[in-house]
Amino acid sequence: MSDNQNRHTDSSIYIEEVHAHKARKASVLEFTHSATKAAGIMLLAAVVALVFANSPLYGPFEHAIHLPVGFVVGESVVTMSAGHVINDVFMAIFFLLVGLEIKYEMTVGELTNIRQALLPIVAAAGGVVMPIAIYMAFNAGNAETAGGWGIPTATDIAFALGIMALLGNRIPAGIRVFLSTLAVADDIIAILVIAIFYGQAPSLFWLAAAAAVLAVLIACNRSHVYSIQPYLGLGVVLWFCVFMSGVHSTIAGVLLAFTIPSGSNVKLRDFATWSREKISSAHESFNPDEPVIGQKDYMHDVKSLSDVARQVIPPATRMEHALYPWVYFAILPLFALTNADVHLIGSNPADFFSNPVLYGVFFGLLLGKPAGIVLFSFIVVKSRLASLPEHVGWGHVLGAAILGGVGFTMSIFVANLAFDSETAITTAKAAILAASTVAGVLGFFVLWLQARRDAARGVVYVMPAVDEEMLTQSDVDAFRTDEALLEQLDEESRRAIDEECRCAHPHEVVAHLR
């Protein structure tokens, strides 16, 4: 059954009076789970931040960001600025989602098969080494700026995949998998860099406390605790311990993610039989002539069915799906709004353009990232340790590698940690925004040229019909485009593609429309 048919079946069980409400809810969910729209919202937030930073609103905006917020416990007052709440608390939730995505890839995704994952992992390493080399070429002799070497090493997965998603099924799914796996590996490296090189001198007491909380979380996992609430409660304590230790507090989100169970506490082999029995019992006890609220046996059966069916979905998956819209449509736009504030009014252009941070970050992202990714990929493929994904050519790899230079979120995050000087931070942010913009446009253009060559041959790349819940978020937009395309074809063409889907690579088939 296709996903469209599933949605139709789901809507048909509701009373007619709520169909409009359900349709609106479905539209909201579709919007808030789109990688392209998430990237657009973040871009809008960054543009607003730039406008604020270079207008009369800059003073009031800066004042609002630095307002203390917190709470009072007895005589103790615990406060931090609104900006620190976003960077230290809200971004820990972002890192929790990143950790859950990494765990997914390591459990059932592209990082489970080392040979399959070798190409993007090595490419990610190249995309870290080359930007560092370029940055240090401009800053090695400057003690005040040399510490910013970690800034151009990170790829913004939301922006990069959002830009790629604009091309839909005109590019092969293999290049999306390559870029998403590369970005995940890149995130792992960035997390290690932040934890090791950009924290304060750690407090052994608070590190020990964090280790103790982490041990309790692992014990919960090993003891088959599948309720999310204990993990969230202990996660708050873990965040506080890591925050007090001097290691950047966002690392707590990643550590928490790896302790949340990715399995189910339901015996899946027995679930189908048990659920059929419950449905049969509910059917027998249901009386259409009585108000449902008074049918205790029926309500008991359906509540049991609902409770158990929900637990079939692993806690890690439930949490990832719940966090995605909040992170990408609230937390990251807030981060962009409060951190992309490049204030240029009143600054000396000569000082700005003579700052080596500008060139190290700009060329590190725009040249170092793609050069490292392509070079290391080429070495791995030519040494026969791995091969390019199916239907993917070197032009696709080049386009994806250039998109790897879209730094933004993680790069700005590292810039805030790397420097104490406001001038250096502002210069780094300006270089990040400039390089990310150029890389985004240029990467899209290279992939668009590849797509035009395929289109000239009448080729598009179509995914088999699957449940969207089985796809990574980066593939959802492309899958929806595929559905729309297939609906426009005649019955004979659809049957031919369906037959090819059953016989071909599970990710996609090549559909010849001429």
Protein backbone atom coordinates (compact mmCIF):
# COMPACT_ATOMS: atom_id res chain seq x y z
CA MET A 1 0.00 0.00 0.00
CA SER A 2 1.40 3.43 -0.92
CA ASP A 3 1.90 6.22 1.60
CA ASN A 4 -0.91 8.20 -0.02
CA GLN A 5 -3.25 5.23 0.45
CA ASN A 6 -2.15 4.93 4.08
CA ARG A 7 -2.93 8.60 4.70
CA HIS A 8 -6.34 8.17 3.04
CA THR A 9 -7.10 5.10 5.20
CA ASP A 10 -6.03 6.92 8.36
CA SER A 11 -8.27 9.90 7.60
CA SER A 12 -11.26 7.71 6.73
CA ILE A 13 -11.60 6.36 10.29
CA TYR A 14 -12.28 9.83 11.74
CA ILE A 15 -15.72 11.43 11.86
CA GLU A 16 -16.38 13.89 9.04
CA GLU A 17 -16.56 16.87 11.42
CA VAL A 18 -12.82 16.64 12.21
CA HIS A 19 -11.46 15.93 8.72
CA ALA A 20 -10.60 19.62 8.22
CA HIS A 21 -8.76 19.71 11.57
CA LYS A 22 -6.83 16.56 10.68
CA ALA A 23 -5.90 17.97 7.28
CA ARG A 24 -4.58 21.16 8.91
CA LYS A 25 -2.59 19.13 11.44
CA ALA A 26 -1.15 16.98 8.64
CA SER A 27 -0.12 20.14 6.77
CA VAL A 28 1.62 21.52 9.87
CA LEU A 29 3.43 18.22 10.46
CA GLU A 30 4.52 18.06 6.83
CA PHE A 31 5.81 21.62 7.01
CA THR A 32 7.70 21.13 10.29
CA HIS A 33 9.39 17.93 9.08
CA SER A 34 10.75 19.38 5.84
CA ALA A 35 14.52 19.80 5.61
CA THR A 36 14.12 22.48 2.92
CA LYS A 37 11.70 24.58 4.97
CA ALA A 38 13.85 24.20 8.09
CA ALA A 39 16.84 25.59 6.17
CA GLY A 40 14.67 28.43 4.87
CA ILE A 41 13.51 29.39 8.38
CA MET A 42 17.11 29.42 9.66
CA LEU A 43 18.23 31.52 6.69
CA LEU A 44 15.44 34.00 7.40
CA ALA A 45 16.51 34.19 11.06
CA ALA A 46 20.12 34.86 10.00
CA VAL A 47 19.01 37.64 7.64
CA VAL A 48 16.91 39.22 10.42
CA ALA A 49 19.93 39.04 12.75
CA LEU A 50 22.10 40.82 10.17
CA VAL A 51 19.46 43.53 9.71
CA PHE A 52 19.13 44.02 13.48
CA ALA A 53 22.91 44.13 13.94
CA ASN A 54 23.30 46.95 11.42
CA SER A 55 20.31 49.09 12.34
CA PRO A 56 19.20 51.27 15.29
CA LEU A 57 17.67 48.10 16.77
CA TYR A 58 21.14 46.70 17.54
CA GLY A 59 21.43 48.33 20.98
CA PRO A 60 18.02 47.19 22.30
CA PHE A 61 18.54 43.75 20.71
CA GLU A 62 21.93 43.30 22.43
CA HIS A 63 20.41 44.48 25.70
CA ALA A 64 17.60 41.92 25.42
CA ILE A 65 20.07 39.09 24.68
CA HIS A 66 22.10 39.93 27.78
CA LEU A 67 19.14 40.25 30.15
CA PRO A 68 19.53 37.81 33.06
CA VAL A 69 16.93 35.05 33.35
CA GLY A 70 16.74 32.37 36.02
CA PHE A 71 15.05 31.42 39.26
CA VAL A 72 15.30 31.91 43.02
CA VAL A 73 15.66 29.04 45.52
CA GLY A 74 15.51 30.39 49.06
CA GLU A 75 18.25 32.98 49.29
CA SER A 76 20.08 31.63 46.23
CA VAL A 77 19.62 33.35 42.88
CA VAL A 78 20.52 31.32 39.78
CA THR A 79 20.66 33.38 36.60
CA MET A 80 22.31 33.48 33.18
CA SER A 81 21.79 35.75 30.20
CA ALA A 82 19.16 34.95 27.59
CA GLY A 83 21.97 34.41 25.09
CA HIS A 84 23.62 31.85 27.36
CA VAL A 85 20.29 30.07 27.83
CA ILE A 86 20.11 29.65 24.06
CA ASN A 87 23.77 28.64 23.62
CA ASP A 88 24.16 26.44 26.70
CA VAL A 89 20.67 25.06 27.42
CA PHE A 90 18.71 25.07 24.17
CA MET A 91 21.71 24.00 22.11
CA ALA A 92 22.16 21.03 24.43
CA ILE A 93 18.78 19.88 23.09
CA PHE A 94 20.11 20.33 19.55
CA PHE A 95 23.11 18.17 20.46
CA LEU A 96 20.71 15.60 21.95
CA LEU A 97 19.02 15.37 18.54
CA VAL A 98 22.42 15.15 16.82
CA GLY A 99 23.35 12.32 19.19
CA LEU A 100 20.12 10.47 18.44
CA GLU A 101 20.76 10.81 14.68
CA ILE A 102 24.32 9.52 15.15
CA LYS A 103 23.03 6.60 17.22
CA TYR A 104 20.51 5.76 14.50
CA GLU A 105 23.22 5.73 11.84
CA MET A 106 25.45 3.55 14.03
CA THR A 107 22.60 1.14 14.89
CA VAL A 108 20.74 0.60 11.61
CA GLY A 109 21.99 3.31 9.24
CA GLU A 110 24.98 3.89 7.03
CA LEU A 111 27.55 3.63 9.84
CA THR A 112 26.75 -0.02 10.60
CA ASN A 113 28.58 -1.39 7.56
CA ILE A 114 32.16 -0.17 7.82
CA ARG A 115 32.91 -0.79 4.13
CA GLN A 116 29.77 1.08 3.08
CA ALA A 117 30.47 3.90 5.54
CA LEU A 118 34.21 4.11 4.82
CA LEU A 119 33.88 6.53 1.89
CA PRO A 120 31.88 9.28 3.69
CA ILE A 121 33.82 8.79 6.94
CA VAL A 122 37.21 9.24 5.24
CA ALA A 123 35.75 12.09 3.18
CA ALA A 124 34.62 13.76 6.42
CA ALA A 125 38.16 13.40 7.81
CA GLY A 126 39.49 15.08 4.67
CA GLY A 127 36.90 17.80 5.12
CA VAL A 128 38.37 18.49 8.56
CA VAL A 129 42.10 18.22 7.85
CA MET A 130 42.22 20.50 4.79
CA PRO A 131 40.29 23.44 6.35
CA ILE A 132 42.56 23.29 9.40
CA ALA A 133 45.63 23.42 7.13
CA ILE A 134 44.24 26.40 5.22
CA TYR A 135 43.21 28.22 8.40
CA MET A 136 46.62 27.71 9.97
CA ALA A 137 48.34 28.90 6.79
CA PHE A 138 46.82 32.33 7.53
CA ASN A 139 46.92 32.23 11.34
CA ALA A 140 49.78 29.99 12.51
CA GLY A 141 51.97 32.94 13.49
CA ASN A 142 49.22 34.78 15.39
CA ALA A 143 48.73 33.57 18.97
CA GLU A 144 45.44 35.51 19.31
CA THR A 145 43.76 33.87 16.31
CA ALA A 146 45.44 30.46 15.96
CA GLY A 147 42.90 28.90 18.32
CA GLY A 148 40.13 29.35 15.76
CA TRP A 149 41.27 26.38 13.67
CA GLY A 150 38.14 24.40 14.58
CA ILE A 151 35.75 26.95 13.06
CA PRO A 152 35.91 25.92 9.37
CA THR A 153 35.80 22.16 10.08
CA ALA A 154 32.04 21.75 10.56
CA THR A 155 29.24 21.17 8.03
CA ASP A 156 25.71 22.41 8.81
CA ILE A 157 23.66 19.30 8.08
CA ALA A 158 20.32 21.15 8.02
CA PHE A 159 21.40 23.78 5.51
CA ALA A 160 23.42 21.42 3.31
CA LEU A 161 20.68 18.79 3.06
CA GLY A 162 17.99 21.47 2.77
CA ILE A 163 19.75 22.93 -0.27
CA MET A 164 20.20 19.47 -1.79
CA ALA A 165 16.53 18.64 -1.15
CA LEU A 166 15.57 21.47 -3.55
CA LEU A 167 16.73 19.21 -6.39
CA GLY A 168 14.37 16.40 -5.33
CA ASN A 169 14.54 13.30 -7.52
CA ARG A 170 16.76 14.95 -10.10
CA ILE A 171 19.81 13.67 -8.20
CA PRO A 172 20.44 10.09 -7.03
CA ALA A 173 19.57 9.15 -3.46
CA GLY A 174 23.11 7.85 -3.04
CA ILE A 175 24.54 11.38 -3.00
CA ARG A 176 22.06 12.42 -0.28
CA VAL A 177 23.12 9.37 1.75
CA PHE A 178 26.78 10.26 1.13
CA LEU A 179 26.34 13.86 2.30
CA SER A 180 24.16 13.00 5.31
CA THR A 181 26.58 10.27 6.48
CA LEU A 182 29.51 12.62 5.91
CA ALA A 183 27.74 15.31 7.95
CA VAL A 184 27.04 12.85 10.77
CA ALA A 185 30.71 11.80 10.84
CA ASP A 186 31.60 15.50 10.70
CA ASP A 187 29.35 16.12 13.72
CA ILE A 188 31.12 13.38 15.68
CA ILE A 189 34.47 15.02 14.96
CA ALA A 190 33.09 18.47 15.84
CA ILE A 191 31.70 17.18 19.15
CA LEU A 192 35.09 15.71 20.05
CA VAL A 193 36.85 18.95 19.07
CA ILE A 194 34.49 21.01 21.25
CA ALA A 195 34.79 18.64 24.21
CA ILE A 196 38.59 18.34 24.09
CA PHE A 197 39.84 21.70 22.84
CA TYR A 198 37.20 24.33 23.56
CA GLY A 199 36.25 23.80 27.19
CA GLN A 200 37.68 25.37 30.32
CA ALA A 201 40.11 23.63 32.67
CA PRO A 202 37.84 20.84 33.91
CA SER A 203 36.81 20.39 37.53
CA LEU A 204 37.59 16.81 38.55
CA PHE A 205 34.81 16.83 41.16
CA TRP A 206 32.10 17.79 38.66
CA LEU A 207 33.52 15.46 36.02
CA ALA A 208 33.26 12.62 38.54
CA ALA A 209 29.69 13.69 39.32
CA ALA A 210 28.85 13.70 35.59
CA ALA A 211 30.44 10.25 35.23
CA ALA A 212 28.32 8.97 38.13
CA VAL A 213 25.10 10.30 36.53
CA LEU A 214 26.13 8.80 33.19
CA ALA A 215 26.70 5.46 34.92
CA VAL A 216 23.16 5.60 36.34
CA LEU A 217 21.81 6.35 32.85
CA ILE A 218 23.70 3.39 31.40
CA ALA A 219 22.37 1.21 34.24
CA CYS A 220 18.82 2.31 33.34
CA ASN A 221 19.47 1.26 29.75
CA ARG A 222 20.96 -2.09 30.79
CA SER A 223 18.07 -2.67 33.20
CA HIS A 224 15.58 -2.27 30.32
CA VAL A 225 14.01 0.97 31.52
CA TYR A 226 12.04 2.09 28.46
CA SER A 227 10.18 5.08 29.89
CA ILE A 228 11.61 8.35 28.59
CA GLN A 229 10.93 10.35 31.79
CA PRO A 230 13.82 8.91 33.92
CA TYR A 231 16.28 9.65 31.12
CA LEU A 232 15.06 13.24 30.78
CA GLY A 233 15.22 13.81 34.55
CA LEU A 234 18.72 12.38 34.84
CA GLY A 235 19.67 14.24 31.65
CA VAL A 236 18.97 17.57 33.38
CA VAL A 237 21.26 16.53 36.26
CA LEU A 238 23.91 15.39 33.76
CA TRP A 239 23.72 18.74 31.96
CA PHE A 240 24.25 20.62 35.25
CA CYS A 241 27.26 18.48 36.20
CA VAL A 242 28.86 18.91 32.78
CA PHE A 243 28.11 22.66 32.86
CA MET A 244 29.82 23.00 36.25
CA SER A 245 32.77 20.85 35.17
CA GLY A 246 34.06 23.33 32.59
CA VAL A 247 33.49 20.99 29.63
CA HIS A 248 30.96 22.60 27.33
CA SER A 249 27.50 21.68 28.61
CA THR A 250 26.08 20.78 25.18
CA ILE A 251 28.16 17.57 25.29
CA ALA A 252 25.65 16.34 27.89
CA GLY A 253 23.03 16.14 25.13
CA VAL A 254 25.18 13.74 23.09
CA LEU A 255 25.99 11.58 26.13
CA LEU A 256 22.30 11.39 27.05
CA ALA A 257 21.35 10.38 23.49
CA PHE A 258 23.61 7.33 23.58
CA THR A 259 21.93 6.00 26.74
CA ILE A 260 18.32 6.23 25.48
CA PRO A 261 17.12 2.76 24.36
CA SER A 262 16.83 2.15 20.62
CA GLY A 263 14.93 -1.12 21.09
CA SER A 264 11.35 -1.92 22.09
CA ASN A 265 10.09 -3.49 25.31
CA VAL A 266 7.29 -5.22 23.39
CA LYS A 267 7.67 -8.81 22.15
CA LEU A 268 7.30 -7.89 18.50
CA ARG A 269 6.76 -11.49 17.36
CA ASP A 270 3.71 -11.74 19.63
CA PHE A 271 2.38 -8.21 19.12
CA ALA A 272 0.39 -8.95 15.94
CA THR A 273 -1.44 -11.88 17.54
CA TRP A 274 -2.08 -10.01 20.79
CA SER A 275 -3.35 -6.88 18.98
CA ARG A 276 -5.73 -8.97 16.83
CA GLU A 277 -7.17 -10.49 19.98
CA LYS A 278 -7.58 -7.06 21.58
CA ILE A 279 -9.25 -5.68 18.44
CA SER A 280 -11.61 -8.67 18.37
CA SER A 281 -12.44 -8.19 22.06
CA ALA A 282 -13.06 -4.47 21.54
CA HIS A 283 -15.27 -5.23 18.53
CA GLU A 284 -17.37 -7.65 20.59
CA SER A 285 -17.75 -5.27 23.54
CA PHE A 286 -18.59 -2.18 21.47
CA ASN A 287 -22.21 -1.02 21.55
CA PRO A 288 -22.96 1.64 18.89
CA ASP A 289 -26.11 2.72 20.76
CA GLU A 290 -24.28 3.79 23.94
CA PRO A 291 -21.96 6.75 24.55
CA VAL A 292 -18.38 5.54 24.22
CA ILE A 293 -17.43 7.13 27.54
CA GLY A 294 -19.68 4.67 29.36
CA GLN A 295 -18.40 1.50 27.65
CA LYS A 296 -15.78 0.43 30.21
CA ASP A 297 -14.84 -2.90 28.61
CA TYR A 298 -14.41 -1.31 25.20
CA MET A 299 -12.43 1.61 26.62
CA HIS A 300 -10.19 -0.81 28.56
CA ASP A 301 -9.41 -2.82 25.42
CA VAL A 302 -8.61 0.15 23.20
CA LYS A 303 -6.56 1.85 25.94
CA SER A 304 -4.46 -1.32 26.35
CA LEU A 305 -4.02 -1.49 22.58
CA SER A 306 -3.04 2.18 22.41
CA ASP A 307 -0.55 1.95 25.30
CA VAL A 308 1.21 -1.13 23.94
CA ALA A 309 1.19 0.04 20.30
CA ARG A 310 2.92 3.25 21.33
CA GLN A 311 5.65 1.30 23.10
CA VAL A 312 6.42 -0.68 19.94
CA ILE A 313 8.23 2.45 18.71
CA PRO A 314 11.64 2.64 20.47
CA PRO A 315 12.12 5.56 22.92
CA ALA A 316 15.03 6.95 20.87
CA THR A 317 12.85 7.10 17.73
CA ARG A 318 9.93 8.70 19.59
CA MET A 319 12.22 11.33 21.06
CA GLU A 320 13.92 12.06 17.73
CA HIS A 321 10.59 12.62 15.97
CA ALA A 322 9.33 14.79 18.85
CA LEU A 323 12.46 16.95 18.99
CA TYR A 324 12.93 17.53 15.24
CA PRO A 325 10.36 20.33 14.72
CA TRP A 326 11.31 22.09 17.96
CA VAL A 327 15.02 22.01 17.18
CA TYR A 328 14.86 23.00 13.52
CA PHE A 329 11.95 25.44 13.70
CA ALA A 330 12.56 27.04 17.12
CA ILE A 331 15.98 26.37 18.68
CA LEU A 332 18.19 26.73 15.60
CA PRO A 333 16.36 29.84 14.29
CA LEU A 334 16.75 31.35 17.78
CA PHE A 335 20.44 30.46 17.70
CA ALA A 336 20.79 32.06 14.26
CA LEU A 337 18.88 35.16 15.39
CA THR A 338 21.12 35.70 18.42
CA ASN A 339 24.46 34.59 16.95
CA ALA A 340 24.49 35.73 13.31
CA ASP A 341 24.67 39.33 14.53
CA VAL A 342 27.59 40.64 12.44
CA HIS A 343 27.79 44.31 13.46
CA LEU A 344 29.72 46.19 10.75
CA ILE A 345 28.52 49.77 11.31
CA GLY A 346 31.31 51.89 12.73
CA SER A 347 34.00 49.25 12.19
CA ASN A 348 37.17 50.01 10.29
CA PRO A 349 37.13 48.14 6.93
CA ALA A 350 40.94 48.09 6.88
CA ASP A 351 41.03 46.26 10.23
CA PHE A 352 38.32 43.88 9.07
CA PHE A 353 40.00 42.92 5.80
CA SER A 354 43.44 42.69 7.38
CA ASN A 355 42.28 40.20 9.99
CA PRO A 356 43.68 36.71 9.19
CA VAL A 357 40.61 35.09 10.76
CA LEU A 358 38.53 36.32 7.80
CA TYR A 359 40.67 34.53 5.23
CA GLY A 360 41.34 31.41 7.30
CA VAL A 361 37.64 30.77 7.91
CA PHE A 362 36.39 31.86 4.47
CA PHE A 363 38.87 29.85 2.42
CA GLY A 364 38.88 27.00 4.93
CA LEU A 365 35.15 26.48 4.35
CA LEU A 366 34.92 27.39 0.67
CA LEU A 367 38.13 25.70 -0.56
CA GLY A 368 39.37 23.46 2.23
CA LYS A 369 36.12 21.57 2.76
CA PRO A 370 35.48 20.53 -0.87
CA ALA A 371 39.18 19.95 -1.57
CA GLY A 372 39.53 17.64 1.42
CA ILE A 373 36.30 15.76 0.75
CA VAL A 374 37.00 15.19 -2.96
CA LEU A 375 40.70 14.36 -2.49
CA PHE A 376 40.16 11.84 0.31
CA SER A 377 37.17 10.32 -1.55
CA PHE A 378 39.30 9.94 -4.68
CA ILE A 379 42.07 8.21 -2.71
CA VAL A 380 39.62 5.75 -1.09
CA VAL A 381 37.90 4.91 -4.40
CA LYS A 382 41.13 4.55 -6.40
CA SER A 383 42.63 2.31 -3.69
CA ARG A 384 39.51 0.11 -4.07
CA LEU A 385 38.71 0.30 -0.34
CA ALA A 386 35.26 1.62 -1.29
CA SER A 387 33.30 2.64 -4.35
CA LEU A 388 31.02 5.52 -5.24
CA PRO A 389 27.32 4.99 -4.42
CA GLU A 390 25.11 3.61 -7.18
CA HIS A 391 24.29 6.13 -9.95
CA VAL A 392 26.66 8.70 -8.35
CA GLY A 393 29.43 10.31 -10.43
CA TRP A 394 32.31 12.56 -9.50
CA GLY A 395 30.28 15.61 -10.51
CA HIS A 396 27.74 14.70 -7.82
CA VAL A 397 30.57 14.22 -5.30
CA LEU A 398 31.99 17.65 -6.17
CA GLY A 399 28.59 19.31 -5.68
CA ALA A 400 28.08 17.58 -2.33
CA ALA A 401 31.64 18.44 -1.28
CA ILE A 402 31.05 22.13 -1.99
CA LEU A 403 27.84 21.97 0.08
CA GLY A 404 30.05 20.59 2.85
CA GLY A 405 31.44 24.14 3.06
CA VAL A 406 28.12 25.39 4.43
CA GLY A 407 29.24 25.79 8.02
CA PHE A 408 26.79 28.09 9.82
CA THR A 409 25.40 26.53 13.06
CA MET A 410 28.34 24.48 14.31
CA SER A 411 30.94 26.90 12.92
CA ILE A 412 29.33 29.89 14.66
CA PHE A 413 29.04 27.80 17.81
CA VAL A 414 32.79 27.04 17.74
CA ALA A 415 33.62 30.68 16.93
CA ASN A 416 31.91 31.78 20.15
CA LEU A 417 34.06 29.31 22.08
CA ALA A 418 37.36 29.92 20.26
CA PHE A 419 37.81 33.65 20.83
CA ASP A 420 37.47 36.14 23.67
CA SER A 421 37.83 39.12 21.32
CA GLU A 422 34.53 40.48 19.98
CA THR A 423 36.38 41.64 16.86
CA ALA A 424 37.66 38.14 16.13
CA ILE A 425 34.21 36.60 16.77
CA THR A 426 32.48 39.13 14.50
CA THR A 427 35.08 38.61 11.76
CA ALA A 428 34.72 34.83 12.01
CA LYS A 429 30.92 35.06 11.81
CA ALA A 430 31.12 37.31 8.74
CA ALA A 431 33.48 34.84 7.06
CA ILE A 432 31.18 31.91 7.98
CA LEU A 433 28.10 33.63 6.54
CA ALA A 434 29.92 34.68 3.37
CA ALA A 435 31.53 31.29 2.75
CA SER A 436 28.32 29.39 3.55
CA THR A 437 26.32 31.56 1.14
CA VAL A 438 28.82 31.11 -1.71
CA ALA A 439 29.20 27.36 -0.99
CA GLY A 440 25.43 26.88 -0.90
CA VAL A 441 24.86 28.64 -4.22
CA LEU A 442 27.86 27.07 -5.94
CA GLY A 443 27.12 23.54 -4.65
CA PHE A 444 23.52 23.78 -5.78
CA PHE A 445 24.64 25.02 -9.22
CA VAL A 446 27.08 22.11 -9.69
CA LEU A 447 24.41 19.55 -8.73
CA TRP A 448 21.85 21.35 -10.92
CA LEU A 449 24.19 21.02 -13.91
CA GLN A 450 24.44 17.28 -13.22
CA ALA A 451 20.66 17.11 -12.95
CA ARG A 452 20.26 18.88 -16.32
CA ARG A 453 22.51 16.30 -17.97
CA ASP A 454 20.32 13.52 -16.56
CA ALA A 455 17.14 15.37 -17.54
CA ALA A 456 18.40 15.63 -21.12
CA ARG A 457 18.46 11.81 -21.12
CA GLY A 458 14.97 11.68 -19.54
CA VAL A 459 16.31 10.24 -16.26
CA VAL A 460 14.97 10.81 -12.74
CA TYR A 461 15.72 8.81 -9.58
CA VAL A 462 12.69 7.26 -7.90
CA MET A 463 12.46 5.69 -4.44
CA PRO A 464 10.26 2.63 -3.89
CA ALA A 465 7.00 3.25 -2.00
CA VAL A 466 7.78 3.04 1.72
CA ASP A 467 6.47 4.51 4.95
CA GLU A 468 8.00 7.94 5.57
CA GLU A 469 8.78 6.82 9.14
CA MET A 470 11.36 4.43 7.64
CA LEU A 471 13.25 7.25 5.91
CA THR A 472 15.84 9.64 7.23
CA GLN A 473 14.60 13.23 7.27
CA SER A 474 16.92 14.16 4.42
CA ASP A 475 15.08 11.71 2.13
CA VAL A 476 11.50 12.65 3.06
CA ASP A 477 11.27 15.68 0.77
CA ALA A 478 12.66 13.71 -2.17
CA PHE A 479 10.24 10.84 -1.50
CA ARG A 480 7.27 13.21 -1.55
CA THR A 481 8.51 14.60 -4.87
CA ASP A 482 8.71 11.03 -6.19
CA GLU A 483 5.09 10.40 -5.17
CA ALA A 484 3.93 13.52 -7.03
CA LEU A 485 5.91 12.45 -10.12
CA LEU A 486 4.49 8.92 -10.13
CA GLU A 487 0.93 10.23 -9.85
CA GLN A 488 1.46 12.12 -13.13
CA LEU A 489 2.52 9.01 -15.06
CA ASP A 490 0.20 6.67 -16.93
CA GLU A 491 -0.68 3.27 -15.46
CA GLU A 492 1.70 1.34 -17.71
CA SER A 493 4.68 3.53 -16.74
CA ARG A 494 3.86 3.18 -13.04
CA ARG A 495 3.64 -0.60 -13.32
CA ALA A 496 7.02 -0.70 -15.06
CA ILE A 497 8.63 1.40 -12.34
CA ASP A 498 6.97 -0.67 -9.56
CA GLU A 499 8.37 -3.83 -11.14
CA GLU A 500 11.84 -2.30 -11.35
CA CYS A 501 11.58 -1.18 -7.70
CA ARG A 502 10.96 -4.78 -6.64
CA CYS A 503 14.04 -5.99 -8.47
CA ALA A 504 16.49 -3.11 -8.03
CA HIS A 505 18.59 -1.43 -5.39
CA PRO A 506 16.40 -0.78 -2.31
CA HIS A 507 17.21 2.95 -2.23
CA GLU A 508 15.92 3.88 -5.69
CA VAL A 509 15.53 3.04 -9.36
CA VAL A 510 16.38 5.05 -12.44
CA ALA A 511 13.18 5.99 -14.27
CA HIS A 512 13.54 6.79 -17.97
CA LEU A 513 10.75 9.17 -18.89
CA ARG A 514 11.50 9.18 -22.62
